[in-house]
Amino acid sequence: MNDAVPEAAKAEQVRVAVYAHFARTGLAPSPAGLADRTGLPVAEVRAALEALHEHRDVVLDAADRDLILMAHPFASVPLGFSVMGARTLWWGGCAWDSFAVPHLLGEERDVLVATRCPACDAPHAWVVTRDGPPDGGQVAHFLTPVHRIWDDVVHACANQRLFCSTDCVHAWLGATGQTRGYLMDLGTLWRLARDWYAGRMEPGYTRRDPTSAAAYFAGVGLHGRFWGLDD
């Protein structure tokens, strides 16, 4: 029981180092690199990463546990979005995460978020700032309800995409046989992303519990059971 606090502290040390590396380089750190940064043995870093994965602070690859696939809002693999800052290029984990990057990284005045419409392959790009949502008539479509995201988080994130219009969403749903999820405009997406990850770069960050998450979703204008809210 006495080891619980030290192990938790090690996991938090590794978590902060993971985020710092992603923010600085756009790449996932290796266990060896995290060991150098934290001063922990590689075996303890790996144990900490497993604990962080279990706690949903990072997402490890199922086949290669040394590979960090995601540390939201950052990803180490392409999932449909690139996010370009002043000196760094990141993979955005989804529409939500891509729009969150400038809010999380105070040193970035803005970022260029780029993607393609999944239906017609048209290219889209927006300059996303902390001042307000970008202009545009595009729509975001989220396929997976929030309470099911962690059943397969990579699949869920890969299907939080931006489309030219609702017509393109309907065309994509028809072509793929998927059931319609949740549609939102760019303003709602920007508000969703704005404060969702606040504090995640700092030590002591605590994930929202379901009640506070629901309150946040309602506060940015989302509604319905898709978001765990009353109709």
Protein backbone atom coordinates (compact mmCIF):
# COMPACT_ATOMS: atom_id res chain seq x y z
CA MET A 1 0.00 0.00 0.00
CA ASN A 2 2.92 2.32 0.73
CA ASP A 3 4.05 1.97 -2.91
CA ALA A 4 0.75 3.33 -4.31
CA VAL A 5 1.66 7.01 -3.98
CA PRO A 6 5.19 6.69 -5.44
CA GLU A 7 3.89 4.66 -8.41
CA ALA A 8 1.17 7.22 -9.06
CA ALA A 9 3.75 10.00 -8.85
CA LYS A 10 5.97 8.18 -11.37
CA ALA A 11 3.04 7.76 -13.75
CA GLU A 12 2.26 11.47 -13.50
CA GLN A 13 5.91 12.34 -14.12
CA VAL A 14 5.87 10.18 -17.26
CA ARG A 15 2.53 11.63 -18.39
CA VAL A 16 3.83 15.19 -18.22
CA ALA A 17 6.99 14.15 -20.09
CA VAL A 18 4.90 12.48 -22.82
CA TYR A 19 2.90 15.66 -23.35
CA ALA A 20 5.97 17.89 -23.30
CA HIS A 21 7.63 15.74 -25.98
CA PHE A 22 4.55 15.66 -28.22
CA ALA A 23 4.11 19.42 -27.87
CA ARG A 24 7.75 20.16 -28.68
CA THR A 25 8.36 17.68 -31.52
CA GLY A 26 5.01 16.46 -32.84
CA LEU A 27 6.27 12.91 -32.30
CA ALA A 28 5.66 10.21 -29.72
CA PRO A 29 8.50 9.71 -27.23
CA SER A 30 10.07 6.30 -26.75
CA PRO A 31 10.36 4.60 -23.35
CA ALA A 32 14.12 5.16 -23.52
CA GLY A 33 13.64 8.85 -24.25
CA LEU A 34 11.16 9.16 -21.39
CA ALA A 35 13.62 7.41 -19.10
CA ASP A 36 16.28 9.99 -20.01
CA ARG A 37 13.86 12.86 -19.39
CA THR A 38 12.45 11.60 -16.09
CA GLY A 39 15.45 9.75 -14.64
CA LEU A 40 13.33 6.62 -14.19
CA PRO A 41 14.47 3.15 -15.30
CA VAL A 42 13.01 2.06 -18.64
CA ALA A 43 11.11 -0.78 -16.93
CA GLU A 44 9.41 1.71 -14.61
CA VAL A 45 8.58 3.98 -17.56
CA ARG A 46 6.92 1.06 -19.34
CA ALA A 47 4.93 0.23 -16.20
CA ALA A 48 3.89 3.88 -15.92
CA LEU A 49 2.77 3.94 -19.56
CA GLU A 50 0.64 0.86 -18.98
CA ALA A 51 -0.95 2.55 -15.97
CA LEU A 52 -1.58 5.70 -18.01
CA HIS A 53 -3.16 3.61 -20.77
CA GLU A 54 -5.41 1.90 -18.25
CA HIS A 55 -6.41 5.30 -16.87
CA ARG A 56 -7.08 6.61 -20.42
CA ASP A 57 -4.35 9.24 -20.24
CA VAL A 58 -2.52 7.79 -23.26
CA VAL A 59 -3.35 5.15 -25.88
CA LEU A 60 -0.74 2.44 -26.47
CA ASP A 61 -0.58 0.33 -29.62
CA ALA A 62 -2.07 -3.12 -29.05
CA ALA A 63 0.80 -4.90 -30.82
CA ASP A 64 3.71 -2.66 -29.80
CA ARG A 65 3.32 -1.42 -26.24
CA ASP A 66 6.31 0.89 -26.65
CA LEU A 67 4.37 2.94 -29.22
CA ILE A 68 2.14 5.72 -27.91
CA LEU A 69 -0.60 6.11 -30.51
CA MET A 70 -2.35 9.02 -28.85
CA ALA A 71 -2.00 11.45 -25.99
CA HIS A 72 -5.06 13.57 -26.70
CA PRO A 73 -5.06 15.93 -28.52
CA PHE A 74 -1.84 14.62 -30.07
CA ALA A 75 -1.47 11.52 -32.22
CA SER A 76 1.58 9.69 -33.56
CA VAL A 77 -0.25 8.28 -36.62
CA PRO A 78 -2.31 10.07 -39.30
CA LEU A 79 -6.02 10.05 -38.50
CA GLY A 80 -7.19 12.54 -41.10
CA PHE A 81 -5.78 15.86 -39.84
CA SER A 82 -2.50 17.75 -39.88
CA VAL A 83 -1.96 20.65 -37.50
CA MET A 84 0.84 23.08 -38.38
CA GLY A 85 2.19 25.52 -35.83
CA ALA A 86 4.94 28.10 -36.19
CA ARG A 87 7.71 25.48 -36.00
CA THR A 88 6.04 22.13 -35.35
CA LEU A 89 3.77 19.82 -37.31
CA TRP A 90 1.40 17.51 -35.43
CA TRP A 91 -1.04 14.80 -36.39
CA GLY A 92 -4.43 15.76 -34.99
CA GLY A 93 -6.27 12.82 -33.48
CA CYS A 94 -9.64 14.02 -34.85
CA ALA A 95 -11.57 17.21 -35.65
CA TRP A 96 -12.07 17.84 -31.92
CA ASP A 97 -8.39 17.35 -31.07
CA SER A 98 -7.09 19.32 -34.04
CA PHE A 99 -9.10 22.39 -33.07
CA ALA A 100 -7.92 21.97 -29.44
CA VAL A 101 -4.17 22.31 -30.11
CA PRO A 102 -3.89 26.14 -30.09
CA HIS A 103 -5.93 26.30 -26.87
CA LEU A 104 -3.62 23.82 -25.15
CA LEU A 105 -0.35 25.34 -26.38
CA GLY A 106 -0.26 28.95 -25.28
CA GLU A 107 2.93 29.67 -27.24
CA GLU A 108 1.10 28.98 -30.52
CA ARG A 109 -0.85 32.06 -31.60
CA ASP A 110 -2.70 29.95 -34.13
CA VAL A 111 -2.40 26.73 -36.12
CA LEU A 112 -3.29 25.65 -39.64
CA VAL A 113 -5.62 22.63 -39.52
CA ALA A 114 -5.86 20.72 -42.80
CA THR A 115 -7.90 17.71 -43.88
CA ARG A 116 -9.90 16.24 -46.78
CA CYS A 117 -13.62 15.64 -46.94
CA PRO A 118 -14.12 11.89 -46.42
CA ALA A 119 -16.95 11.88 -48.99
CA CYS A 120 -15.59 13.82 -51.98
CA ASP A 121 -11.89 14.23 -51.07
CA ALA A 122 -12.06 18.02 -51.32
CA PRO A 123 -9.20 19.67 -49.37
CA HIS A 124 -10.02 21.99 -46.47
CA ALA A 125 -7.86 24.17 -44.24
CA TRP A 126 -8.60 26.63 -41.45
CA VAL A 127 -6.48 28.96 -39.37
CA VAL A 128 -7.64 28.10 -35.84
CA THR A 129 -6.98 30.65 -33.09
CA ARG A 130 -8.00 31.18 -29.47
CA ASP A 131 -9.98 34.28 -30.42
CA GLY A 132 -13.00 32.67 -32.07
CA PRO A 133 -14.06 29.98 -34.52
CA PRO A 134 -12.84 30.06 -38.12
CA ASP A 135 -15.19 31.01 -40.92
CA GLY A 136 -16.65 28.26 -43.06
CA GLY A 137 -19.78 26.33 -43.85
CA GLN A 138 -18.21 22.91 -43.30
CA VAL A 139 -19.71 20.52 -40.76
CA ALA A 140 -18.20 18.04 -38.32
CA HIS A 141 -19.68 14.56 -38.07
CA PHE A 142 -18.98 12.42 -34.99
CA LEU A 143 -19.83 8.77 -35.57
CA THR A 144 -19.44 7.25 -32.09
CA PRO A 145 -21.54 8.34 -29.06
CA VAL A 146 -19.41 9.69 -26.25
CA HIS A 147 -20.11 6.76 -23.89
CA ARG A 148 -18.75 4.32 -26.52
CA ILE A 149 -15.60 6.20 -27.53
CA TRP A 150 -13.26 4.15 -25.36
CA ASP A 151 -14.61 0.84 -26.68
CA ASP A 152 -12.25 1.52 -29.62
CA VAL A 153 -10.83 4.99 -29.16
CA VAL A 154 -8.71 4.98 -32.33
CA HIS A 155 -11.72 4.06 -34.48
CA ALA A 156 -13.86 6.66 -32.71
CA CYS A 157 -11.29 9.41 -33.20
CA ALA A 158 -10.68 8.45 -36.83
CA ASN A 159 -14.42 9.00 -37.41
CA GLN A 160 -14.67 12.48 -35.95
CA ARG A 161 -14.26 14.18 -39.32
CA LEU A 162 -15.01 17.40 -41.16
CA PHE A 163 -17.11 17.39 -44.33
CA CYS A 164 -17.91 19.98 -46.98
CA SER A 165 -21.61 19.96 -46.07
CA THR A 166 -24.42 17.82 -44.75
CA ASP A 167 -24.85 16.54 -48.32
CA CYS A 168 -21.33 15.08 -48.18
CA VAL A 169 -22.07 13.55 -44.77
CA HIS A 170 -25.16 11.81 -46.17
CA ALA A 171 -23.21 10.62 -49.23
CA TRP A 172 -20.49 9.18 -46.99
CA LEU A 173 -23.01 7.46 -44.74
CA GLY A 174 -24.68 5.90 -47.76
CA ALA A 175 -21.38 4.73 -49.24
CA THR A 176 -20.07 3.25 -45.99
CA GLY A 177 -23.31 1.90 -44.54
CA GLN A 178 -22.73 3.77 -41.29
CA THR A 179 -25.53 5.18 -39.14
CA ARG A 180 -25.64 8.94 -38.75
CA GLY A 181 -24.00 10.20 -35.59
CA TYR A 182 -23.88 13.84 -34.50
CA LEU A 183 -23.49 16.93 -36.72
CA MET A 184 -22.14 20.29 -35.60
CA ASP A 185 -20.95 23.48 -37.26
CA LEU A 186 -17.45 24.92 -36.95
CA GLY A 187 -18.48 27.27 -34.15
CA THR A 188 -19.73 24.45 -31.97
CA LEU A 189 -16.64 22.37 -32.73
CA TRP A 190 -14.41 25.29 -31.73
CA ARG A 191 -16.28 25.76 -28.45
CA LEU A 192 -16.10 22.02 -27.73
CA ALA A 193 -12.33 22.06 -28.26
CA ARG A 194 -11.60 25.35 -26.48
CA ASP A 195 -11.35 24.26 -22.84
CA TRP A 196 -11.77 20.48 -22.97
CA TYR A 197 -8.06 19.81 -22.41
CA ALA A 198 -7.33 22.78 -20.15
CA GLY A 199 -4.52 21.94 -17.76
CA ARG A 200 -3.52 18.70 -19.43
CA MET A 201 0.08 19.82 -19.97
CA GLU A 202 0.56 20.54 -16.26
CA PRO A 203 1.28 18.22 -13.30
CA GLY A 204 -1.76 17.24 -11.28
CA TYR A 205 -4.23 17.24 -14.16
CA THR A 206 -7.44 15.34 -13.41
CA ARG A 207 -9.80 14.06 -16.08
CA ARG A 208 -13.41 15.21 -15.93
CA ASP A 209 -15.86 12.81 -14.32
CA PRO A 210 -19.08 11.99 -16.24
CA THR A 211 -21.10 14.67 -14.44
CA SER A 212 -18.64 17.50 -15.13
CA ALA A 213 -18.13 16.26 -18.70
CA ALA A 214 -21.89 16.36 -19.32
CA ALA A 215 -22.05 19.88 -17.91
CA TYR A 216 -19.22 20.94 -20.22
CA PHE A 217 -20.94 19.43 -23.27
CA ALA A 218 -24.20 21.19 -22.45
CA GLY A 219 -22.35 24.46 -21.89
CA VAL A 220 -20.86 24.49 -25.38
CA GLY A 221 -24.22 23.85 -27.02
CA LEU A 222 -24.33 20.07 -27.47
CA HIS A 223 -27.45 18.12 -26.71
CA GLY A 224 -29.02 14.67 -26.71
CA ARG A 225 -28.12 11.18 -25.59
CA PHE A 226 -25.18 11.08 -27.99
CA TRP A 227 -23.41 13.31 -25.42
CA GLY A 228 -24.94 11.71 -22.35
CA LEU A 229 -27.47 14.53 -22.02
CA ASP A 230 -31.24 14.54 -21.77
CA ASP A 231 -33.08 15.10 -25.05
